């Protein structure tokens, strides 16, 4: 047996032909990722319509690790907290027994893997209650300005 058994020249390992770029059609490349999808979860909210709905959103935003965003007209509450099974090296500690939602994430036809998303775009993003209140006040002022003026009685 030769002493070079198992030897692979570095130029082959690092050649462009040897690199396999991840393909979004095949799902997320978890082994290359920083586990963004394991560091938060988002729940869809009903679009706020009442003063009480708005007050609830304001209350959510008073808590650490909470953001609210709107995308394509849909409202979401995002809880920024890591999965308790995420290991320090960004691997899943229960990979073989992970929930189905984790298995499906990033697969073709499902929500896109964030590894392939350069910039998440929101219609609106609120990171605290003050931003939400300012947005509400701006909307109220805009509605007031657009409302038809009543003719003076007389």
Protein backbone atom coordinates (compact mmCIF):
# COMPACT_ATOMS: atom_id res chain seq x y z
CA UNK A 1 0.00 0.00 0.00
CA UNK A 2 1.32 3.41 -0.97
CA UNK A 3 1.92 6.09 1.67
CA UNK A 4 -0.25 8.47 -0.40
CA UNK A 5 -3.43 6.39 0.01
CA UNK A 6 -6.35 8.72 0.75
CA UNK A 7 -4.36 11.78 -0.33
CA UNK A 8 -6.28 14.38 -2.32
CA UNK A 9 -4.33 17.32 -3.74
CA UNK A 10 -5.55 20.68 -2.36
CA UNK A 11 -6.03 22.12 -5.85
CA UNK A 12 -8.73 19.50 -6.45
CA UNK A 13 -10.51 20.20 -3.15
CA UNK A 14 -10.56 23.95 -3.75
CA UNK A 15 -11.14 24.01 -7.48
CA UNK A 16 -14.34 25.71 -8.71
CA UNK A 17 -15.51 22.38 -10.14
CA UNK A 18 -15.30 20.76 -6.68
CA UNK A 19 -17.51 23.41 -5.03
CA UNK A 20 -21.18 22.65 -4.91
CA UNK A 21 -23.21 25.81 -4.57
CA UNK A 22 -26.39 25.28 -2.60
CA UNK A 23 -29.54 25.04 -4.70
CA UNK A 24 -32.67 26.69 -3.29
CA UNK A 25 -34.77 24.17 -5.21
CA UNK A 26 -33.37 21.38 -3.02
CA UNK A 27 -33.95 23.08 0.34
CA UNK A 28 -31.75 24.85 2.84
CA UNK A 29 -28.06 24.05 3.28
CA UNK A 30 -28.22 23.70 7.07
CA UNK A 31 -24.55 22.70 7.29
CA UNK A 32 -23.49 26.12 5.89
CA UNK A 33 -25.92 28.26 7.87
CA UNK A 34 -25.88 30.24 11.11
CA UNK A 35 -29.29 28.78 12.03
CA UNK A 36 -31.29 31.98 11.53
CA UNK A 37 -34.54 30.01 11.40
CA UNK A 38 -33.75 28.46 14.80
CA UNK A 39 -33.40 31.82 16.54
CA UNK A 40 -36.99 33.07 16.28
CA UNK A 41 -40.49 32.09 15.35
CA UNK A 42 -43.32 34.18 13.95
CA UNK A 43 -47.05 33.82 14.43
CA UNK A 44 -49.59 35.39 12.10
CA UNK A 45 -51.90 37.93 13.72
CA UNK A 46 -55.32 39.11 12.66
CA UNK A 47 -55.07 42.54 11.08
CA UNK A 48 -55.71 45.03 13.89
CA UNK A 49 -59.03 46.83 13.43
CA UNK A 50 -60.05 48.08 16.86
CA UNK A 51 -58.48 50.25 19.52
CA UNK A 52 -58.14 47.11 21.66
CA UNK A 53 -56.30 45.27 18.82
CA UNK A 54 -53.88 48.17 18.54
CA UNK A 55 -53.41 48.24 22.31
CA UNK A 56 -52.55 44.51 22.29
CA UNK A 57 -49.90 45.04 19.62
CA UNK A 58 -48.49 47.95 21.60
CA UNK A 59 -48.34 45.67 24.65
CA UNK A 60 -46.56 42.90 22.71
CA UNK A 61 -43.95 45.41 21.57
CA UNK A 62 -43.23 46.44 25.17
CA UNK A 63 -41.55 43.06 25.68
CA UNK A 64 -37.91 42.22 24.95
CA UNK A 65 -37.28 40.05 21.93
CA UNK A 66 -40.60 40.88 20.26
CA UNK A 67 -41.13 42.58 16.90
CA UNK A 68 -44.24 42.95 14.79
CA UNK A 69 -44.12 43.19 11.02
CA UNK A 70 -46.42 43.37 8.06
CA UNK A 71 -45.62 41.60 4.81
CA UNK A 72 -47.95 41.56 1.82
CA UNK A 73 -50.70 42.90 4.09
CA UNK A 74 -50.37 40.07 6.62
CA UNK A 75 -49.45 40.88 10.23
CA UNK A 76 -46.94 38.80 12.25
CA UNK A 77 -45.66 38.67 15.82
CA UNK A 78 -42.02 37.58 15.88
CA UNK A 79 -40.53 36.11 19.05
CA UNK A 80 -36.74 36.36 18.95
CA UNK A 81 -35.56 33.49 21.08
CA UNK A 82 -33.34 30.57 20.14
CA UNK A 83 -34.57 27.00 20.10
CA UNK A 84 -33.47 25.25 23.27
CA UNK A 85 -32.06 22.38 21.13
CA UNK A 86 -29.75 24.58 19.04
CA UNK A 87 -26.16 23.57 19.73
CA UNK A 88 -23.24 26.05 19.97
CA UNK A 89 -22.03 24.96 16.50
CA UNK A 90 -25.50 25.82 15.02
CA UNK A 91 -26.50 22.19 14.60
CA UNK A 92 -29.75 20.74 15.89
CA UNK A 93 -29.41 18.71 19.09
CA UNK A 94 -32.50 16.63 18.22
CA UNK A 95 -32.07 16.47 14.45
CA UNK A 96 -33.43 12.92 14.05
CA UNK A 97 -36.44 13.74 16.25
CA UNK A 98 -37.03 17.38 15.22
CA UNK A 99 -40.59 18.61 14.66
CA UNK A 100 -42.15 18.38 11.20
CA UNK A 101 -42.18 22.19 10.85
CA UNK A 102 -38.36 22.10 11.04
CA UNK A 103 -38.16 19.26 8.52
CA UNK A 104 -40.38 21.13 6.04
CA UNK A 105 -38.77 24.55 6.36
CA UNK A 106 -36.99 25.64 3.20
CA UNK A 107 -38.18 22.71 1.09
CA UNK A 108 -39.49 23.47 -2.39
CA UNK A 109 -43.06 24.75 -2.14
CA UNK A 110 -42.60 25.82 1.51
CA UNK A 111 -41.34 29.05 3.02
CA UNK A 112 -37.96 29.91 1.47
CA UNK A 113 -34.85 29.21 3.49
CA UNK A 114 -33.33 32.42 4.83
CA UNK A 115 -29.89 31.28 3.64
CA UNK A 116 -31.05 32.27 0.16
CA UNK A 117 -32.68 35.55 1.23
CA UNK A 118 -30.28 38.48 1.10
CA UNK A 119 -32.63 41.06 2.50
CA UNK A 120 -35.95 40.45 4.15
CA UNK A 121 -38.38 43.14 3.14
CA UNK A 122 -41.36 44.17 5.20
CA UNK A 123 -44.20 46.53 4.39
CA UNK A 124 -43.78 47.79 7.97
CA UNK A 125 -41.52 46.69 10.84
CA UNK A 126 -42.05 47.68 14.48
CA UNK A 127 -39.25 46.92 16.93
CA UNK A 128 -40.82 48.68 19.90
CA UNK A 129 -44.03 50.26 21.10
CA UNK A 130 -42.87 53.83 20.36
CA UNK A 131 -42.43 53.03 16.65
CA UNK A 132 -45.91 51.50 16.56
CA UNK A 133 -47.52 54.49 18.31
CA UNK A 134 -45.74 56.92 15.94
CA UNK A 135 -47.01 54.89 12.95
CA UNK A 136 -50.57 54.94 14.32
CA UNK A 137 -50.41 58.69 14.87
CA UNK A 138 -49.09 59.26 11.33
CA UNK A 139 -51.91 57.14 9.90
CA UNK A 140 -54.47 59.03 11.98
CA UNK A 141 -53.11 62.40 10.81
CA UNK A 142 -53.14 61.23 7.19
CA UNK A 143 -56.78 60.10 7.49
CA UNK A 144 -57.74 63.37 9.14
CA UNK A 145 -56.07 65.38 6.37
CA UNK A 146 -57.74 63.27 3.65
CA UNK A 147 -61.20 63.48 5.24
CA UNK A 148 -63.59 65.85 3.47
CA UNK A 149 -64.03 69.11 5.28
CA UNK A 150 -67.51 69.92 6.52
CA UNK A 151 -69.04 73.12 5.24
CA UNK A 152 -69.82 75.65 7.98
CA UNK A 153 -73.44 75.62 9.04
CA UNK A 154 -75.33 78.72 8.26
